[in-house]
């Protein structure tokens, strides 16, 4: 599997994603500029955290119009795995690849800490190496991480098993239904506010994010 890590102006977690995939997992991964007009030859896309385009207008709102996003949307619609963390999650909602939106934290403050999560759905191509309802700990670092959707969308997400991660103890940002990560209806696009790429080695003090990437790289195990 060959993976593209998209780099936007203001991305600052692209290196984290690259190293988690390449150095820790041994994956075939390459940085791709936001200016790219083709993702031919790639089997999946990783959209990192950061502050693309300075978070002007709205987090992810400008990045959604970057040239490379046409190809990201094409691959997503073709069923390729697409993953976005933090700002990547925001970009995926702005691009219409995931429902809902990410708004300012209820505290109106930037939140940076490690939080407890519940793996709500371990039957996805991103989570099949976790156990159902497992508790894990992952870091967060965001100011616009409060997930919002109308009630009908929330009901659909819950009924379809699209809620993949939920804040298990405290809700750090006011997300409805304590939602921390969701997939699209097809299950091939995952967006989440926590940063699994920052929890993949013992030297980092936590390896709870590693199985997400191992799940992605061994999709047959989820079939």
N, C-alpha and C. Protein backbone atom coordinates (compact mmCIF):
# COMPACT_ATOMS: atom_id res chain seq x y z
N UNK A 1 0.85 -1.20 0.00
CA UNK A 1 0.00 0.00 0.00
C UNK A 1 0.88 1.25 0.00
N UNK A 2 0.66 2.12 -0.95
CA UNK A 2 1.43 3.36 -1.05
C UNK A 2 0.54 4.51 -0.59
N UNK A 3 1.03 5.27 0.38
CA UNK A 3 0.23 6.30 1.01
C UNK A 3 0.80 7.68 0.77
N UNK A 4 -0.08 8.66 0.58
CA UNK A 4 0.31 10.05 0.40
C UNK A 4 0.00 10.82 1.68
N UNK A 5 0.98 11.56 2.20
CA UNK A 5 0.76 12.50 3.29
C UNK A 5 0.69 13.89 2.67
N UNK A 6 -0.49 14.49 2.70
CA UNK A 6 -0.68 15.79 2.06
C UNK A 6 -0.10 16.90 2.94
N UNK A 7 0.65 17.81 2.32
CA UNK A 7 1.26 18.92 3.05
C UNK A 7 0.66 20.24 2.57
N UNK A 8 -0.03 20.91 3.46
CA UNK A 8 -0.61 22.23 3.18
C UNK A 8 0.27 23.31 3.81
N UNK A 9 0.17 24.55 3.36
CA UNK A 9 0.81 25.64 4.09
C UNK A 9 0.23 25.70 5.50
N UNK A 10 1.06 25.54 6.50
CA UNK A 10 0.58 25.54 7.87
C UNK A 10 0.44 24.16 8.49
N UNK A 11 0.60 23.09 7.70
CA UNK A 11 0.61 21.75 8.29
C UNK A 11 1.79 21.66 9.25
N UNK A 12 1.58 21.03 10.40
CA UNK A 12 2.72 20.83 11.30
C UNK A 12 2.76 19.43 11.91
N UNK A 13 1.89 18.55 11.46
CA UNK A 13 1.91 17.17 11.92
C UNK A 13 2.19 16.20 10.78
N UNK A 14 2.59 16.75 9.63
CA UNK A 14 2.91 15.90 8.48
C UNK A 14 4.10 15.00 8.78
N UNK A 15 5.11 15.55 9.46
CA UNK A 15 6.28 14.75 9.81
C UNK A 15 5.90 13.63 10.78
N UNK A 16 5.03 13.94 11.74
CA UNK A 16 4.58 12.93 12.70
C UNK A 16 3.91 11.76 11.98
N UNK A 17 3.01 12.09 11.05
CA UNK A 17 2.32 11.04 10.29
C UNK A 17 3.31 10.22 9.46
N UNK A 18 4.22 10.92 8.78
CA UNK A 18 5.19 10.24 7.94
C UNK A 18 6.03 9.27 8.76
N UNK A 19 6.54 9.74 9.88
CA UNK A 19 7.43 8.90 10.69
C UNK A 19 6.66 7.73 11.32
N UNK A 20 5.43 7.97 11.73
CA UNK A 20 4.63 6.87 12.29
C UNK A 20 4.44 5.77 11.26
N UNK A 21 4.17 6.17 10.02
CA UNK A 21 3.92 5.19 8.97
C UNK A 21 5.22 4.58 8.42
N UNK A 22 6.18 5.43 8.12
CA UNK A 22 7.41 4.95 7.46
C UNK A 22 8.39 4.32 8.45
N UNK A 23 8.76 5.08 9.47
CA UNK A 23 9.80 4.61 10.39
C UNK A 23 9.29 3.54 11.34
N UNK A 24 8.10 3.73 11.89
CA UNK A 24 7.58 2.78 12.88
C UNK A 24 6.93 1.58 12.21
N UNK A 25 6.13 1.83 11.18
CA UNK A 25 5.36 0.74 10.55
C UNK A 25 5.99 0.19 9.28
N UNK A 26 7.00 0.87 8.75
CA UNK A 26 7.66 0.39 7.53
C UNK A 26 6.82 0.55 6.28
N UNK A 27 5.91 1.50 6.28
CA UNK A 27 5.00 1.68 5.14
C UNK A 27 5.66 2.48 4.02
N UNK A 28 5.13 2.30 2.83
CA UNK A 28 5.56 3.06 1.66
C UNK A 28 4.75 4.35 1.65
N UNK A 29 5.39 5.45 2.02
CA UNK A 29 4.68 6.72 2.20
C UNK A 29 5.49 7.85 1.61
N UNK A 30 4.79 8.86 1.11
CA UNK A 30 5.47 9.98 0.45
C UNK A 30 4.72 11.28 0.74
N UNK A 31 5.47 12.35 0.95
CA UNK A 31 4.86 13.67 1.08
C UNK A 31 4.34 14.12 -0.28
N UNK A 32 3.16 14.75 -0.28
CA UNK A 32 2.59 15.28 -1.52
C UNK A 32 2.13 16.72 -1.25
N UNK A 33 2.52 17.63 -2.11
CA UNK A 33 2.16 19.03 -1.95
C UNK A 33 0.67 19.28 -2.18
N UNK A 34 0.17 20.32 -1.51
CA UNK A 34 -1.21 20.76 -1.71
C UNK A 34 -1.44 21.22 -3.15
N UNK A 35 -0.35 21.51 -3.87
CA UNK A 35 -0.46 21.97 -5.25
C UNK A 35 -0.58 20.83 -6.26
N UNK A 36 -0.38 19.61 -5.81
CA UNK A 36 -0.41 18.46 -6.73
C UNK A 36 -1.77 18.33 -7.39
N UNK A 37 -1.75 17.91 -8.64
CA UNK A 37 -2.99 17.72 -9.38
C UNK A 37 -3.27 16.26 -9.69
N UNK A 38 -2.40 15.37 -9.21
CA UNK A 38 -2.61 13.95 -9.43
C UNK A 38 -2.12 13.16 -8.22
N UNK A 39 -2.90 12.15 -7.86
CA UNK A 39 -2.49 11.19 -6.84
C UNK A 39 -2.42 9.80 -7.44
N UNK A 40 -2.15 9.76 -8.74
CA UNK A 40 -2.02 8.47 -9.42
C UNK A 40 -0.90 7.66 -8.78
N UNK A 41 -1.15 6.39 -8.55
CA UNK A 41 -0.16 5.51 -7.96
C UNK A 41 -0.26 5.38 -6.46
N UNK A 42 -1.10 6.20 -5.83
CA UNK A 42 -1.29 6.12 -4.39
C UNK A 42 -2.55 5.31 -4.07
N UNK A 43 -2.47 4.55 -2.99
CA UNK A 43 -3.59 3.69 -2.58
C UNK A 43 -4.39 4.28 -1.42
N UNK A 44 -3.87 5.33 -0.80
CA UNK A 44 -4.55 5.95 0.32
C UNK A 44 -3.98 7.32 0.60
N UNK A 45 -4.71 8.08 1.40
CA UNK A 45 -4.33 9.48 1.68
C UNK A 45 -4.39 9.74 3.17
N UNK A 46 -3.38 10.45 3.66
CA UNK A 46 -3.31 10.86 5.06
C UNK A 46 -3.28 12.39 5.11
N UNK A 47 -4.19 12.99 5.85
CA UNK A 47 -4.25 14.45 5.96
C UNK A 47 -3.89 14.83 7.39
N UNK A 48 -2.77 15.54 7.57
CA UNK A 48 -2.25 15.80 8.91
C UNK A 48 -2.92 16.95 9.63
N UNK A 49 -2.56 17.07 10.89
CA UNK A 49 -3.01 18.19 11.69
C UNK A 49 -2.15 19.43 11.45
N UNK A 50 -2.52 20.50 12.11
CA UNK A 50 -1.81 21.76 11.95
C UNK A 50 -2.80 22.91 11.82
N UNK A 51 -2.37 23.91 11.08
CA UNK A 51 -3.20 25.11 10.90
C UNK A 51 -3.15 25.52 9.44
N UNK A 52 -3.72 24.68 8.58
CA UNK A 52 -3.64 24.93 7.14
C UNK A 52 -4.16 26.32 6.81
N UNK A 53 -3.35 27.04 6.04
CA UNK A 53 -3.70 28.42 5.63
C UNK A 53 -4.03 29.30 6.84
N UNK A 54 -3.39 29.01 7.98
CA UNK A 54 -3.57 29.83 9.17
C UNK A 54 -4.94 29.73 9.80
N UNK A 55 -5.75 28.74 9.39
CA UNK A 55 -7.12 28.61 9.89
C UNK A 55 -7.95 29.86 9.61
N UNK A 56 -7.59 30.61 8.56
CA UNK A 56 -8.38 31.78 8.21
C UNK A 56 -9.77 31.36 7.73
N UNK A 57 -10.72 32.21 7.88
CA UNK A 57 -12.14 31.99 7.59
C UNK A 57 -12.72 30.97 8.56
N UNK A 58 -12.22 29.73 8.47
CA UNK A 58 -12.68 28.63 9.32
C UNK A 58 -11.63 27.53 9.17
N UNK A 59 -11.39 26.78 10.22
CA UNK A 59 -10.38 25.72 10.14
C UNK A 59 -10.71 24.75 9.01
N UNK A 60 -9.80 24.62 8.06
CA UNK A 60 -9.98 23.69 6.94
C UNK A 60 -10.72 24.27 5.75
N UNK A 61 -11.29 25.46 5.91
CA UNK A 61 -12.16 26.01 4.86
C UNK A 61 -11.40 26.37 3.58
N UNK A 62 -10.18 26.86 3.72
CA UNK A 62 -9.40 27.21 2.53
C UNK A 62 -8.71 25.97 1.95
N UNK A 63 -8.21 25.12 2.83
CA UNK A 63 -7.53 23.90 2.37
C UNK A 63 -8.44 23.06 1.49
N UNK A 64 -9.73 23.13 1.76
CA UNK A 64 -10.69 22.34 0.98
C UNK A 64 -10.59 22.65 -0.52
N UNK A 65 -10.13 23.88 -0.87
CA UNK A 65 -10.05 24.29 -2.27
C UNK A 65 -8.66 24.12 -2.87
N UNK A 66 -7.73 23.54 -2.13
CA UNK A 66 -6.40 23.28 -2.68
C UNK A 66 -6.51 22.32 -3.86
N UNK A 67 -5.65 22.46 -4.88
CA UNK A 67 -5.73 21.60 -6.06
C UNK A 67 -5.76 20.11 -5.74
N UNK A 68 -4.99 19.67 -4.75
CA UNK A 68 -4.90 18.24 -4.46
C UNK A 68 -6.21 17.66 -3.96
N UNK A 69 -7.09 18.50 -3.43
CA UNK A 69 -8.32 17.97 -2.84
C UNK A 69 -9.25 17.33 -3.86
N UNK A 70 -9.18 17.76 -5.11
CA UNK A 70 -9.98 17.09 -6.14
C UNK A 70 -9.60 15.62 -6.25
N UNK A 71 -8.29 15.35 -6.12
CA UNK A 71 -7.80 13.98 -6.19
C UNK A 71 -8.12 13.21 -4.90
N UNK A 72 -8.06 13.89 -3.78
CA UNK A 72 -8.43 13.24 -2.52
C UNK A 72 -9.89 12.80 -2.57
N UNK A 73 -10.74 13.68 -3.06
CA UNK A 73 -12.17 13.35 -3.19
C UNK A 73 -12.37 12.21 -4.18
N UNK A 74 -11.62 12.23 -5.27
CA UNK A 74 -11.74 11.15 -6.26
C UNK A 74 -11.38 9.80 -5.64
N UNK A 75 -10.27 9.76 -4.93
CA UNK A 75 -9.85 8.51 -4.31
C UNK A 75 -10.84 8.05 -3.24
N UNK A 76 -11.33 9.00 -2.46
CA UNK A 76 -12.30 8.64 -1.42
C UNK A 76 -13.55 8.03 -2.03
N UNK A 77 -14.04 8.63 -3.10
CA UNK A 77 -15.24 8.12 -3.76
C UNK A 77 -15.00 6.76 -4.42
N UNK A 78 -13.73 6.49 -4.74
CA UNK A 78 -13.38 5.20 -5.34
C UNK A 78 -13.18 4.12 -4.28
N UNK A 79 -13.26 4.50 -3.01
CA UNK A 79 -13.15 3.52 -1.94
C UNK A 79 -11.79 3.42 -1.29
N UNK A 80 -10.84 4.26 -1.68
CA UNK A 80 -9.51 4.24 -1.07
C UNK A 80 -9.59 4.77 0.35
N UNK A 81 -8.73 4.27 1.25
CA UNK A 81 -8.74 4.79 2.61
C UNK A 81 -8.22 6.22 2.68
N UNK A 82 -8.93 7.06 3.39
CA UNK A 82 -8.53 8.46 3.60
C UNK A 82 -8.64 8.73 5.10
N UNK A 83 -7.56 9.22 5.67
CA UNK A 83 -7.52 9.48 7.11
C UNK A 83 -7.15 10.93 7.37
N UNK A 84 -7.86 11.57 8.28
CA UNK A 84 -7.54 12.94 8.66
C UNK A 84 -7.57 13.09 10.17
N UNK A 85 -6.50 13.65 10.72
CA UNK A 85 -6.44 13.89 12.15
C UNK A 85 -6.42 15.38 12.44
N UNK A 86 -7.20 15.82 13.41
CA UNK A 86 -7.23 17.21 13.86
C UNK A 86 -7.60 18.13 12.68
N UNK A 87 -6.66 18.95 12.21
CA UNK A 87 -6.96 19.81 11.07
C UNK A 87 -7.38 18.97 9.85
N UNK A 88 -6.86 17.76 9.76
CA UNK A 88 -7.27 16.86 8.69
C UNK A 88 -8.75 16.51 8.78
N UNK A 89 -9.25 16.30 9.99
CA UNK A 89 -10.67 16.04 10.22
C UNK A 89 -11.48 17.26 9.79
N UNK A 90 -11.02 18.44 10.18
CA UNK A 90 -11.70 19.67 9.79
C UNK A 90 -11.77 19.81 8.27
N UNK A 91 -10.67 19.50 7.60
CA UNK A 91 -10.63 19.59 6.13
C UNK A 91 -11.61 18.61 5.50
N UNK A 92 -11.68 17.39 6.05
CA UNK A 92 -12.57 16.37 5.49
C UNK A 92 -14.04 16.78 5.62
N UNK A 93 -14.40 17.44 6.72
CA UNK A 93 -15.79 17.90 6.83
C UNK A 93 -16.05 19.06 5.89
N UNK A 94 -15.09 19.98 5.77
CA UNK A 94 -15.26 21.11 4.86
C UNK A 94 -15.37 20.64 3.41
N UNK A 95 -14.68 19.55 3.08
CA UNK A 95 -14.71 19.02 1.72
C UNK A 95 -15.94 18.17 1.44
N UNK A 96 -16.76 17.93 2.46
CA UNK A 96 -17.96 17.14 2.28
C UNK A 96 -17.73 15.65 2.28
N UNK A 97 -16.51 15.22 2.66
CA UNK A 97 -16.23 13.79 2.71
C UNK A 97 -16.70 13.16 4.01
N UNK A 98 -16.94 14.00 5.01
CA UNK A 98 -17.52 13.55 6.28
C UNK A 98 -18.62 14.52 6.67
N UNK A 99 -19.66 14.03 7.33
CA UNK A 99 -20.76 14.91 7.74
C UNK A 99 -20.39 15.73 8.96
N UNK A 100 -21.17 16.76 9.22
CA UNK A 100 -20.97 17.57 10.41
C UNK A 100 -19.93 18.64 10.22
N UNK A 101 -19.54 19.26 11.32
CA UNK A 101 -18.56 20.34 11.30
C UNK A 101 -17.84 20.39 12.64
N UNK A 102 -16.67 21.01 12.65
CA UNK A 102 -15.91 21.21 13.87
C UNK A 102 -15.93 22.69 14.21
N UNK A 103 -16.45 23.02 15.37
CA UNK A 103 -16.54 24.42 15.79
C UNK A 103 -15.60 24.68 16.97
N UNK A 104 -15.56 25.94 17.41
CA UNK A 104 -14.70 26.31 18.53
C UNK A 104 -15.02 25.46 19.76
N UNK A 105 -13.97 25.10 20.50
CA UNK A 105 -14.18 24.42 21.77
C UNK A 105 -15.12 25.24 22.64
N UNK A 106 -15.94 24.57 23.41
CA UNK A 106 -16.87 25.28 24.28
C UNK A 106 -16.16 26.23 25.24
N UNK A 107 -14.94 25.87 25.63
CA UNK A 107 -14.16 26.71 26.54
C UNK A 107 -13.62 27.95 25.87
N UNK A 108 -13.67 27.97 24.50
CA UNK A 108 -13.07 29.05 23.71
C UNK A 108 -11.56 29.11 23.90
N UNK A 109 -10.97 28.01 24.33
CA UNK A 109 -9.53 27.94 24.55
C UNK A 109 -8.92 26.77 23.79
N UNK A 110 -7.65 26.92 23.46
CA UNK A 110 -6.89 25.82 22.88
C UNK A 110 -6.67 24.77 23.97
N UNK A 111 -6.93 23.51 23.63
CA UNK A 111 -6.79 22.42 24.60
C UNK A 111 -5.70 21.47 24.14
N UNK A 112 -4.74 21.21 25.01
CA UNK A 112 -3.63 20.30 24.69
C UNK A 112 -3.43 19.37 25.88
N UNK A 113 -3.81 18.11 25.72
CA UNK A 113 -3.70 17.14 26.81
C UNK A 113 -3.91 15.73 26.24
N UNK A 114 -3.72 14.74 27.07
CA UNK A 114 -4.04 13.37 26.70
C UNK A 114 -5.42 13.05 27.26
N UNK A 115 -6.25 12.43 26.42
CA UNK A 115 -7.62 12.12 26.84
C UNK A 115 -7.92 10.64 26.67
N UNK A 116 -8.88 10.16 27.43
CA UNK A 116 -9.33 8.78 27.32
C UNK A 116 -10.40 8.67 26.24
N UNK A 117 -10.28 7.64 25.42
CA UNK A 117 -11.24 7.39 24.35
C UNK A 117 -11.80 5.98 24.45
N UNK A 118 -13.01 5.82 23.96
CA UNK A 118 -13.59 4.49 23.79
C UNK A 118 -13.58 4.16 22.30
N UNK A 119 -13.10 2.96 21.97
CA UNK A 119 -13.18 2.48 20.59
C UNK A 119 -14.60 1.95 20.40
N UNK A 120 -15.46 2.78 19.85
CA UNK A 120 -16.88 2.43 19.74
C UNK A 120 -17.10 1.37 18.67
N UNK A 121 -16.40 1.50 17.56
CA UNK A 121 -16.54 0.55 16.44
C UNK A 121 -15.17 0.02 16.07
N UNK A 122 -14.92 -1.25 16.35
CA UNK A 122 -13.63 -1.85 15.99
C UNK A 122 -13.74 -2.71 14.73
N UNK A 123 -14.81 -2.50 13.97
CA UNK A 123 -15.02 -3.27 12.75
C UNK A 123 -14.78 -2.42 11.51
N UNK A 124 -13.83 -1.50 11.58
CA UNK A 124 -13.49 -0.67 10.43
C UNK A 124 -12.08 -1.01 9.97
N UNK A 125 -11.72 -0.54 8.79
CA UNK A 125 -10.38 -0.81 8.26
C UNK A 125 -9.31 -0.06 9.03
N UNK A 126 -9.72 0.87 9.90
CA UNK A 126 -8.78 1.64 10.70
C UNK A 126 -8.68 1.14 12.14
N UNK A 127 -9.61 0.30 12.58
CA UNK A 127 -9.68 -0.05 14.01
C UNK A 127 -9.77 -1.54 14.31
N UNK A 128 -9.61 -2.40 13.31
CA UNK A 128 -9.87 -3.82 13.56
C UNK A 128 -8.84 -4.49 14.45
N UNK A 129 -7.74 -3.81 14.76
CA UNK A 129 -6.76 -4.39 15.69
C UNK A 129 -7.02 -3.97 17.14
N UNK A 130 -8.06 -3.17 17.35
CA UNK A 130 -8.51 -2.86 18.70
C UNK A 130 -9.62 -3.83 19.09
N UNK A 131 -9.95 -3.87 20.36
CA UNK A 131 -11.10 -4.67 20.80
C UNK A 131 -12.30 -3.75 20.97
N UNK A 132 -13.49 -4.33 20.88
CA UNK A 132 -14.71 -3.53 20.99
C UNK A 132 -14.79 -2.85 22.36
N UNK A 133 -15.06 -1.55 22.34
CA UNK A 133 -15.23 -0.73 23.54
C UNK A 133 -13.96 -0.63 24.38
N UNK A 134 -12.83 -0.90 23.76
CA UNK A 134 -11.54 -0.74 24.45
C UNK A 134 -11.32 0.72 24.83
N UNK A 135 -10.71 0.95 25.97
CA UNK A 135 -10.33 2.29 26.39
C UNK A 135 -8.87 2.53 26.01
N UNK A 136 -8.61 3.60 25.32
CA UNK A 136 -7.25 3.97 24.95
C UNK A 136 -7.02 5.44 25.31
N UNK A 137 -5.78 5.85 25.30
CA UNK A 137 -5.43 7.23 25.59
C UNK A 137 -4.66 7.83 24.42
N UNK A 138 -5.11 8.99 23.94
CA UNK A 138 -4.44 9.67 22.85
C UNK A 138 -4.37 11.17 23.13
N UNK A 139 -3.34 11.83 22.61
CA UNK A 139 -3.24 13.28 22.81
C UNK A 139 -4.16 14.06 21.88
N UNK A 140 -4.60 15.21 22.36
CA UNK A 140 -5.33 16.16 21.53
C UNK A 140 -4.62 17.51 21.61
N UNK A 141 -4.82 18.33 20.59
CA UNK A 141 -4.25 19.68 20.58
C UNK A 141 -5.03 20.50 19.57
N UNK A 142 -6.07 21.18 20.01
CA UNK A 142 -6.93 21.90 19.08
C UNK A 142 -7.72 23.01 19.77
N UNK A 143 -8.13 23.97 18.95
CA UNK A 143 -9.01 25.04 19.41
C UNK A 143 -10.41 24.92 18.80
N UNK A 144 -10.50 24.18 17.68
CA UNK A 144 -11.77 24.03 16.96
C UNK A 144 -12.08 22.53 16.83
N UNK A 145 -12.37 21.89 17.95
CA UNK A 145 -12.54 20.44 17.93
C UNK A 145 -13.89 19.95 18.37
N UNK A 146 -14.83 20.87 18.54
CA UNK A 146 -16.16 20.49 19.01
C UNK A 146 -17.02 20.02 17.84
N UNK A 147 -17.30 18.73 17.79
CA UNK A 147 -18.06 18.17 16.67
C UNK A 147 -19.54 18.55 16.80
N UNK A 148 -20.07 19.04 15.68
CA UNK A 148 -21.48 19.44 15.65
C UNK A 148 -22.15 18.87 14.41
N UNK A 149 -23.37 18.43 14.57
CA UNK A 149 -24.23 18.01 13.45
C UNK A 149 -25.66 18.12 13.92
N UNK A 150 -26.60 18.21 12.97
CA UNK A 150 -28.00 18.25 13.38
C UNK A 150 -28.43 16.89 13.91
N UNK A 151 -29.57 16.85 14.55
CA UNK A 151 -29.99 15.63 15.23
C UNK A 151 -30.16 14.46 14.27
N UNK A 152 -30.69 14.73 13.08
CA UNK A 152 -30.88 13.65 12.11
C UNK A 152 -29.55 13.04 11.70
N UNK A 153 -28.53 13.88 11.52
CA UNK A 153 -27.20 13.38 11.15
C UNK A 153 -26.59 12.59 12.30
N UNK A 154 -26.74 13.10 13.53
CA UNK A 154 -26.23 12.38 14.69
C UNK A 154 -26.88 11.00 14.80
N UNK A 155 -28.19 10.96 14.62
CA UNK A 155 -28.91 9.68 14.71
C UNK A 155 -28.40 8.71 13.65
N UNK A 156 -28.16 9.22 12.45
CA UNK A 156 -27.67 8.38 11.36
C UNK A 156 -26.27 7.86 11.66
N UNK A 157 -25.41 8.73 12.16
CA UNK A 157 -24.05 8.32 12.50
C UNK A 157 -24.06 7.20 13.55
N UNK A 158 -24.89 7.36 14.55
CA UNK A 158 -24.97 6.36 15.61
C UNK A 158 -25.56 5.05 15.09
N UNK A 159 -26.63 5.14 14.32
CA UNK A 159 -27.31 3.94 13.83
C UNK A 159 -26.45 3.15 12.86
N UNK A 160 -25.63 3.86 12.07
CA UNK A 160 -24.81 3.20 11.05
C UNK A 160 -23.44 2.75 11.55
N UNK A 161 -23.16 2.96 12.82
CA UNK A 161 -21.85 2.58 13.34
C UNK A 161 -20.73 3.46 12.85
N UNK A 162 -21.05 4.70 12.48
CA UNK A 162 -20.03 5.61 11.95
C UNK A 162 -19.28 6.36 13.05
N UNK A 163 -19.79 6.30 14.26
CA UNK A 163 -19.04 6.86 15.39
C UNK A 163 -17.99 5.82 15.78
N UNK A 164 -16.74 6.15 15.57
CA UNK A 164 -15.65 5.19 15.78
C UNK A 164 -14.96 5.41 17.12
N UNK A 165 -14.76 6.67 17.47
CA UNK A 165 -14.13 7.01 18.76
C UNK A 165 -15.02 7.99 19.51
N UNK A 166 -15.09 7.79 20.83
CA UNK A 166 -15.87 8.68 21.68
C UNK A 166 -15.02 9.05 22.90
N UNK A 167 -15.13 10.30 23.34
CA UNK A 167 -14.45 10.69 24.57
C UNK A 167 -15.05 9.89 25.72
N UNK A 168 -14.20 9.20 26.47
CA UNK A 168 -14.69 8.20 27.42
C UNK A 168 -14.90 8.75 28.83
N UNK A 169 -14.15 9.76 29.22
CA UNK A 169 -14.27 10.27 30.58
C UNK A 169 -14.69 11.74 30.56
N UNK A 170 -13.81 12.61 30.16
CA UNK A 170 -14.19 14.01 30.03
C UNK A 170 -14.37 14.36 28.56
N UNK A 171 -15.28 15.29 28.32
CA UNK A 171 -15.45 15.83 26.97
C UNK A 171 -14.66 17.14 26.92
N UNK A 172 -13.53 17.16 26.21
CA UNK A 172 -12.63 18.31 26.30
C UNK A 172 -13.03 19.53 25.47
N UNK A 173 -14.05 19.36 24.61
CA UNK A 173 -14.35 20.45 23.69
C UNK A 173 -15.84 20.72 23.47
N UNK A 174 -16.69 19.89 24.04
CA UNK A 174 -18.13 20.08 23.87
C UNK A 174 -18.73 19.34 22.69
N UNK A 175 -17.99 18.39 22.12
CA UNK A 175 -18.52 17.62 20.99
C UNK A 175 -19.84 16.95 21.35
N UNK A 176 -20.81 17.04 20.44
CA UNK A 176 -22.08 16.37 20.66
C UNK A 176 -21.87 14.86 20.72
N UNK A 177 -22.60 14.20 21.60
CA UNK A 177 -22.51 12.76 21.80
C UNK A 177 -21.10 12.30 22.16
N UNK A 178 -20.28 13.24 22.63
CA UNK A 178 -18.88 12.93 23.00
C UNK A 178 -18.08 12.37 21.83
N UNK A 179 -18.45 12.76 20.63
CA UNK A 179 -17.81 12.21 19.43
C UNK A 179 -16.39 12.74 19.25
N UNK A 180 -15.46 11.80 19.07
CA UNK A 180 -14.05 12.15 18.84
C UNK A 180 -13.59 11.76 17.44
N UNK A 181 -14.31 10.83 16.79
CA UNK A 181 -13.93 10.41 15.44
C UNK A 181 -15.05 9.68 14.75
N UNK A 182 -15.20 9.92 13.45
CA UNK A 182 -16.28 9.29 12.67
C UNK A 182 -15.76 8.84 11.31
N UNK A 183 -16.51 7.96 10.68
CA UNK A 183 -16.25 7.59 9.29
C UNK A 183 -17.40 8.07 8.42
N UNK A 184 -17.16 8.00 7.11
CA UNK A 184 -18.26 8.20 6.16
C UNK A 184 -19.12 6.93 6.13
N UNK A 185 -20.20 6.97 5.40
CA UNK A 185 -21.11 5.82 5.37
C UNK A 185 -20.44 4.57 4.81
N UNK A 186 -19.52 4.75 3.87
CA UNK A 186 -18.83 3.60 3.27
C UNK A 186 -17.74 3.04 4.17
N UNK A 187 -17.30 3.82 5.15
CA UNK A 187 -16.31 3.34 6.09
C UNK A 187 -14.86 3.48 5.67
N UNK A 188 -14.62 4.11 4.52
CA UNK A 188 -13.23 4.24 4.05
C UNK A 188 -12.60 5.58 4.36
N UNK A 189 -13.38 6.51 4.92
CA UNK A 189 -12.86 7.83 5.30
C UNK A 189 -13.04 7.99 6.80
N UNK A 190 -11.94 8.22 7.51
CA UNK A 190 -11.98 8.42 8.96
C UNK A 190 -11.41 9.78 9.31
N UNK A 191 -12.14 10.52 10.12
CA UNK A 191 -11.64 11.77 10.66
C UNK A 191 -11.73 11.72 12.17
N UNK A 192 -10.70 12.21 12.85
CA UNK A 192 -10.70 12.22 14.31
C UNK A 192 -9.89 13.40 14.82
N UNK A 193 -10.29 13.97 15.95
CA UNK A 193 -9.54 15.07 16.52
C UNK A 193 -8.27 14.61 17.24
N UNK A 194 -8.27 13.51 17.99
CA UNK A 194 -7.04 13.07 18.64
C UNK A 194 -5.96 12.69 17.63
N UNK A 195 -4.73 12.62 18.13
CA UNK A 195 -3.55 12.37 17.29
C UNK A 195 -2.95 10.99 17.56
N UNK A 196 -3.36 9.95 16.84
CA UNK A 196 -2.75 8.64 17.04
C UNK A 196 -1.28 8.60 16.64
N UNK A 197 -0.88 9.45 15.69
CA UNK A 197 0.51 9.45 15.22
C UNK A 197 1.48 9.93 16.30
N UNK A 198 0.97 10.53 17.34
CA UNK A 198 1.82 10.97 18.45
C UNK A 198 1.87 9.95 19.57
N UNK A 199 1.33 8.76 19.31
CA UNK A 199 1.30 7.71 20.33
C UNK A 199 1.58 6.36 19.69
N UNK A 200 2.79 6.25 19.09
CA UNK A 200 3.11 5.02 18.36
C UNK A 200 4.41 4.35 18.84
N UNK A 201 5.10 4.96 19.80
CA UNK A 201 6.36 4.39 20.28
C UNK A 201 6.44 4.53 21.79
N UNK A 202 7.07 3.55 22.42
CA UNK A 202 7.21 3.57 23.88
C UNK A 202 7.98 4.81 24.34
N UNK A 203 8.93 5.26 23.52
CA UNK A 203 9.71 6.43 23.90
C UNK A 203 8.84 7.68 24.01
N UNK A 204 7.68 7.66 23.35
CA UNK A 204 6.73 8.76 23.44
C UNK A 204 5.83 8.63 24.67
N UNK A 205 5.95 7.49 25.34
CA UNK A 205 5.16 7.26 26.54
C UNK A 205 3.82 6.60 26.29
N UNK A 206 3.52 6.27 25.05
CA UNK A 206 2.20 5.72 24.72
C UNK A 206 2.23 5.10 23.34
N UNK A 207 1.66 3.92 23.20
CA UNK A 207 1.59 3.26 21.89
C UNK A 207 0.14 2.97 21.50
N UNK A 208 -0.81 3.63 22.12
CA UNK A 208 -2.22 3.33 21.84
C UNK A 208 -2.65 3.71 20.43
N UNK A 209 -1.89 4.56 19.75
CA UNK A 209 -2.25 4.94 18.39
C UNK A 209 -1.71 4.00 17.33
N UNK A 210 -0.77 3.13 17.71
CA UNK A 210 -0.07 2.31 16.73
C UNK A 210 -1.00 1.35 15.99
N UNK A 211 -1.96 0.78 16.70
CA UNK A 211 -2.83 -0.21 16.07
C UNK A 211 -3.76 0.39 15.02
N UNK A 212 -3.98 1.70 15.09
CA UNK A 212 -4.76 2.33 14.02
C UNK A 212 -4.01 2.21 12.70
N UNK A 213 -2.72 2.51 12.72
CA UNK A 213 -1.94 2.44 11.49
C UNK A 213 -1.69 1.00 11.05
N UNK A 214 -1.53 0.10 12.01
CA UNK A 214 -1.38 -1.30 11.65
C UNK A 214 -2.66 -1.85 11.06
N UNK A 215 -3.80 -1.40 11.56
CA UNK A 215 -5.09 -1.81 10.98
C UNK A 215 -5.19 -1.34 9.54
N UNK A 216 -4.82 -0.07 9.31
CA UNK A 216 -4.87 0.49 7.96
C UNK A 216 -4.00 -0.28 6.99
N UNK A 217 -2.83 -0.69 7.46
CA UNK A 217 -1.86 -1.36 6.58
C UNK A 217 -2.13 -2.84 6.39
N UNK A 218 -3.09 -3.38 7.13
CA UNK A 218 -3.48 -4.78 6.95
C UNK A 218 -4.98 -4.87 6.78
N UNK A 219 -5.54 -4.24 5.74
CA UNK A 219 -7.00 -4.16 5.59
C UNK A 219 -7.70 -5.49 5.45
N UNK A 220 -6.98 -6.51 4.96
CA UNK A 220 -7.63 -7.81 4.76
C UNK A 220 -8.12 -8.39 6.07
N UNK A 221 -7.48 -8.02 7.16
CA UNK A 221 -7.88 -8.55 8.46
C UNK A 221 -9.24 -8.06 8.89
N UNK A 222 -9.70 -6.95 8.28
CA UNK A 222 -11.01 -6.40 8.63
C UNK A 222 -12.13 -7.02 7.81
N UNK A 223 -11.78 -7.78 6.78
CA UNK A 223 -12.81 -8.35 5.91
C UNK A 223 -13.49 -9.55 6.56
